[in-house]
Amino acid sequence: FFFQAEDGIRDDLVTGVQTCALPISDMGFARAEMEEMVQRWLAANAACEEALDWTPMADFYTPDATYGWNVGPKDEFMAVGRDEIRELALGLEMSGLGGWVYPYQHVLIDDAKGEIVGFWKQTALATRADGSHYEVAGIGGSWFVYAGNFQWSWQRDWFDVANATSVFMEMIRDEQLTPGMTKRLEQAMSGERLPGHYRPDQMPVGLWDR
């Protein structure tokens, strides 16, 4: 969809286009509420990055929410329900990623459908010998469905898997990768399927399913 800046946006990252004159979307949510959800989400992201613990963000999901992403032609991740999101998506999958930040570059709000898309970078605080930060090339992002009460009912992420693997291997060569992430990569290369990872035809919920 196409968006343009609207009056009343409280953050330069957040833009959108009103699809009607009413302040309430077809989903029954005020645009101001969705904008506040974005602000709360961005603040929680920053706090969790600093604390090196992303599990508190599980409170932003409904009890039956789903959260997934694709890792390749034979591997997809899916967490079903708030408990799995806390344990797997925000716990196990983020383990070893302390020292990485995910600054949102732009956020788009579709207030007619109650959906939000955010675009972010993946940047390590660790630096190369020349002072530059390790960063996953390409564009990463998250697509959310808002459920009201400042919670998501659905989230799907995307990122460039090949570029992520490349920068992790570079960090291993430079002895800059955390022990936790090194262990995760060793497990992945061993062929071991980690919890929450499925063959596409065995997913409990499809990536496009609502």
Protein backbone atom coordinates (compact mmCIF):
# COMPACT_ATOMS: atom_id res chain seq x y z
CA PHE A 1 0.00 0.00 0.00
CA PHE A 2 0.98 3.68 -0.37
CA PHE A 3 1.27 6.10 2.55
CA GLN A 4 1.95 9.77 3.02
CA ALA A 5 2.55 11.86 6.12
CA GLU A 6 -0.53 12.98 8.04
CA ASP A 7 -1.06 15.70 10.62
CA GLY A 8 -1.06 14.56 14.22
CA ILE A 9 1.74 11.99 13.91
CA ARG A 10 3.92 12.14 17.01
CA ASP A 11 7.06 10.55 15.58
CA ASP A 12 8.98 11.17 12.36
CA LEU A 13 9.18 7.40 11.84
CA VAL A 14 5.41 6.97 11.83
CA THR A 15 3.49 7.86 8.69
CA GLY A 16 0.22 6.87 7.12
CA VAL A 17 -2.75 7.92 5.10
CA GLN A 18 -6.31 8.33 6.38
CA THR A 19 -8.65 6.35 4.19
CA CYS A 20 -11.76 8.17 5.43
CA ALA A 21 -12.71 11.23 7.43
CA LEU A 22 -13.55 9.22 10.54
CA PRO A 23 -10.89 8.71 13.26
CA ILE A 24 -11.98 5.09 13.79
CA SER A 25 -10.79 2.29 11.48
CA ASP A 26 -12.96 -0.46 10.02
CA MET A 27 -11.49 -2.70 12.72
CA GLY A 28 -12.89 -0.39 15.40
CA PHE A 29 -9.60 1.16 16.54
CA ALA A 30 -8.88 4.86 16.77
CA ARG A 31 -5.85 5.95 14.79
CA ALA A 32 -4.48 7.72 17.86
CA GLU A 33 -4.57 4.40 19.71
CA MET A 34 -2.59 2.69 16.95
CA GLU A 35 -0.04 5.49 16.98
CA GLU A 36 0.32 5.10 20.75
CA MET A 37 0.79 1.36 20.26
CA VAL A 38 3.73 2.09 17.98
CA GLN A 39 5.28 4.43 20.53
CA ARG A 40 4.91 1.87 23.31
CA TRP A 41 6.38 -0.83 21.10
CA LEU A 42 9.41 1.24 20.10
CA ALA A 43 10.07 2.18 23.73
CA ALA A 44 9.83 -1.46 24.82
CA ASN A 45 12.23 -2.50 22.05
CA ALA A 46 14.81 0.01 23.26
CA ALA A 47 14.43 -1.07 26.89
CA CYS A 48 14.77 -4.76 26.05
CA GLU A 49 17.85 -4.16 23.89
CA GLU A 50 19.48 -2.41 26.85
CA ALA A 51 18.44 -5.15 29.30
CA LEU A 52 19.52 -7.93 26.88
CA ASP A 53 16.16 -9.59 27.53
CA TRP A 54 13.32 -9.46 25.00
CA THR A 55 10.87 -11.74 26.85
CA PRO A 56 8.94 -8.87 28.54
CA MET A 57 7.67 -7.93 25.08
CA ALA A 58 5.42 -11.00 25.16
CA ASP A 59 2.93 -8.85 27.06
CA PHE A 60 2.28 -7.02 23.77
CA TYR A 61 0.66 -10.14 22.27
CA THR A 62 -2.79 -11.64 22.66
CA PRO A 63 -2.96 -15.13 24.26
CA ASP A 64 -3.62 -16.72 20.84
CA ALA A 65 -1.28 -14.55 18.74
CA THR A 66 1.01 -16.10 16.12
CA TYR A 67 4.50 -14.91 15.21
CA GLY A 68 6.63 -16.35 12.43
CA TRP A 69 9.18 -15.86 9.67
CA ASN A 70 10.86 -17.72 6.84
CA VAL A 71 14.46 -18.92 7.13
CA GLY A 72 14.80 -20.61 3.75
CA PRO A 73 13.11 -23.02 1.34
CA LYS A 74 13.07 -25.84 3.90
CA ASP A 75 12.81 -23.98 7.19
CA GLU A 76 10.21 -21.66 8.71
CA PHE A 77 9.68 -20.52 12.27
CA MET A 78 6.31 -20.23 14.00
CA ALA A 79 5.36 -19.53 17.61
CA VAL A 80 1.68 -20.05 18.43
CA GLY A 81 0.29 -18.30 21.49
CA ARG A 82 1.79 -15.79 23.90
CA ASP A 83 3.66 -18.44 25.90
CA GLU A 84 5.47 -19.81 22.84
CA ILE A 85 6.21 -16.28 21.65
CA ARG A 86 7.81 -15.53 25.02
CA GLU A 87 9.74 -18.80 25.25
CA LEU A 88 10.75 -19.33 21.62
CA ALA A 89 10.53 -16.15 19.53
CA LEU A 90 11.66 -13.72 22.23
CA GLY A 91 13.63 -16.15 24.35
CA LEU A 92 15.42 -18.94 22.49
CA GLU A 93 15.59 -17.17 19.11
CA MET A 94 17.01 -13.99 20.65
CA SER A 95 19.53 -15.80 22.86
CA GLY A 96 23.07 -14.88 21.91
CA LEU A 97 21.92 -11.63 20.30
CA GLY A 98 22.84 -9.42 23.21
CA GLY A 99 24.79 -6.48 21.82
CA TRP A 100 22.59 -6.26 18.71
CA VAL A 101 20.10 -3.44 18.15
CA TYR A 102 17.16 -3.24 15.76
CA PRO A 103 16.50 0.46 15.16
CA TYR A 104 13.23 1.08 13.32
CA GLN A 105 13.78 3.30 10.29
CA HIS A 106 10.16 3.82 9.29
CA VAL A 107 6.70 2.73 10.44
CA LEU A 108 3.58 2.68 8.27
CA ILE A 109 0.06 2.54 9.70
CA ASP A 110 -2.94 1.28 7.73
CA ASP A 111 -5.72 2.51 9.97
CA ALA A 112 -8.42 1.10 7.68
CA LYS A 113 -7.26 -2.48 8.23
CA GLY A 114 -5.70 -2.18 11.66
CA GLU A 115 -2.27 -3.19 10.35
CA ILE A 116 1.20 -1.78 10.90
CA VAL A 117 4.48 -2.39 9.06
CA GLY A 118 7.86 -1.43 10.49
CA PHE A 119 11.23 -1.43 8.71
CA TRP A 120 14.36 -1.95 10.79
CA LYS A 121 18.10 -2.48 10.60
CA GLN A 122 20.09 -5.22 12.34
CA THR A 123 23.25 -3.68 13.75
CA ALA A 124 25.83 -5.03 16.19
CA LEU A 125 27.39 -2.76 18.78
CA ALA A 126 30.68 -4.58 18.11
CA THR A 127 32.94 -2.89 15.58
CA ARG A 128 35.47 -3.99 12.99
CA ALA A 129 39.11 -2.95 13.09
CA ASP A 130 38.23 0.07 10.93
CA GLY A 131 35.59 1.21 13.45
CA SER A 132 32.54 0.28 11.36
CA HIS A 133 29.72 -1.68 12.95
CA TYR A 134 28.79 -5.15 11.80
CA GLU A 135 25.37 -4.92 10.16
CA VAL A 136 23.11 -7.29 8.26
CA ALA A 137 22.75 -5.84 4.77
CA GLY A 138 19.34 -5.45 3.18
CA ILE A 139 16.00 -4.49 4.71
CA GLY A 140 14.45 -6.16 7.74
CA GLY A 141 10.90 -5.61 8.85
CA SER A 142 7.84 -6.67 10.83
CA TRP A 143 4.18 -6.77 9.75
CA PHE A 144 1.66 -6.58 12.58
CA VAL A 145 -2.09 -6.96 12.99
CA TYR A 146 -3.42 -4.89 15.86
CA ALA A 147 -6.02 -6.48 18.15
CA GLY A 148 -6.80 -3.59 20.46
CA ASN A 149 -5.83 -3.16 24.12
CA PHE A 150 -2.26 -2.41 22.97
CA GLN A 151 -1.63 -5.96 21.78
CA TRP A 152 -0.74 -7.71 18.52
CA SER A 153 -2.67 -10.75 17.31
CA TRP A 154 -0.34 -11.51 14.39
CA GLN A 155 3.27 -10.74 13.45
CA ARG A 156 5.44 -11.81 10.55
CA ASP A 157 9.08 -10.78 10.15
CA TRP A 158 11.43 -10.77 7.17
CA PHE A 159 15.19 -10.30 6.83
CA ASP A 160 17.94 -11.32 4.45
CA VAL A 161 19.05 -14.75 5.68
CA ALA A 162 22.07 -14.94 3.36
CA ASN A 163 23.36 -11.56 4.51
CA ALA A 164 22.75 -12.47 8.16
CA THR A 165 24.75 -15.67 7.75
CA SER A 166 27.53 -13.78 5.99
CA VAL A 167 27.96 -11.21 8.74
CA PHE A 168 27.82 -13.88 11.48
CA MET A 169 30.59 -15.83 9.74
CA GLU A 170 32.62 -12.64 9.46
CA MET A 171 32.19 -12.05 13.19
CA ILE A 172 33.32 -15.61 13.93
CA ARG A 173 36.50 -15.04 11.91
CA ASP A 174 37.07 -11.78 13.77
CA GLU A 175 36.27 -13.45 17.14
CA GLN A 176 33.47 -10.96 17.72
CA LEU A 177 30.48 -13.30 17.89
CA THR A 178 29.04 -14.05 21.32
CA PRO A 179 29.40 -17.62 22.66
CA GLY A 180 25.61 -17.95 22.69
CA MET A 181 25.27 -17.06 19.02
CA THR A 182 28.24 -19.26 18.11
CA LYS A 183 26.43 -22.19 19.74
CA ARG A 184 23.24 -21.37 17.85
CA LEU A 185 25.08 -21.36 14.52
CA GLU A 186 26.78 -24.65 15.34
CA GLN A 187 23.37 -26.20 16.07
CA ALA A 188 21.97 -24.85 12.81
CA MET A 189 24.89 -26.17 10.77
CA SER A 190 24.55 -29.59 12.41
CA GLY A 191 21.11 -29.99 10.85
CA GLU A 192 19.40 -29.99 14.24
CA ARG A 193 15.90 -28.50 13.97
CA LEU A 194 15.41 -26.12 16.89
CA PRO A 195 12.07 -25.70 18.70
CA GLY A 196 9.63 -23.63 16.68
CA HIS A 197 11.28 -24.46 13.36
CA TYR A 198 9.34 -26.53 10.84
CA ARG A 199 9.37 -27.68 7.27
CA PRO A 200 6.98 -25.39 5.37
CA ASP A 201 4.50 -28.22 4.83
CA GLN A 202 4.48 -29.02 8.57
CA MET A 203 3.87 -25.55 9.97
CA PRO A 204 1.17 -25.40 12.70
CA VAL A 205 0.06 -22.09 11.17
CA GLY A 206 1.03 -20.89 7.70
CA LEU A 207 2.97 -17.66 7.28
CA TRP A 208 0.01 -16.13 5.40
CA ASP A 209 -2.68 -17.59 7.66
CA ARG A 210 -4.58 -15.26 9.97
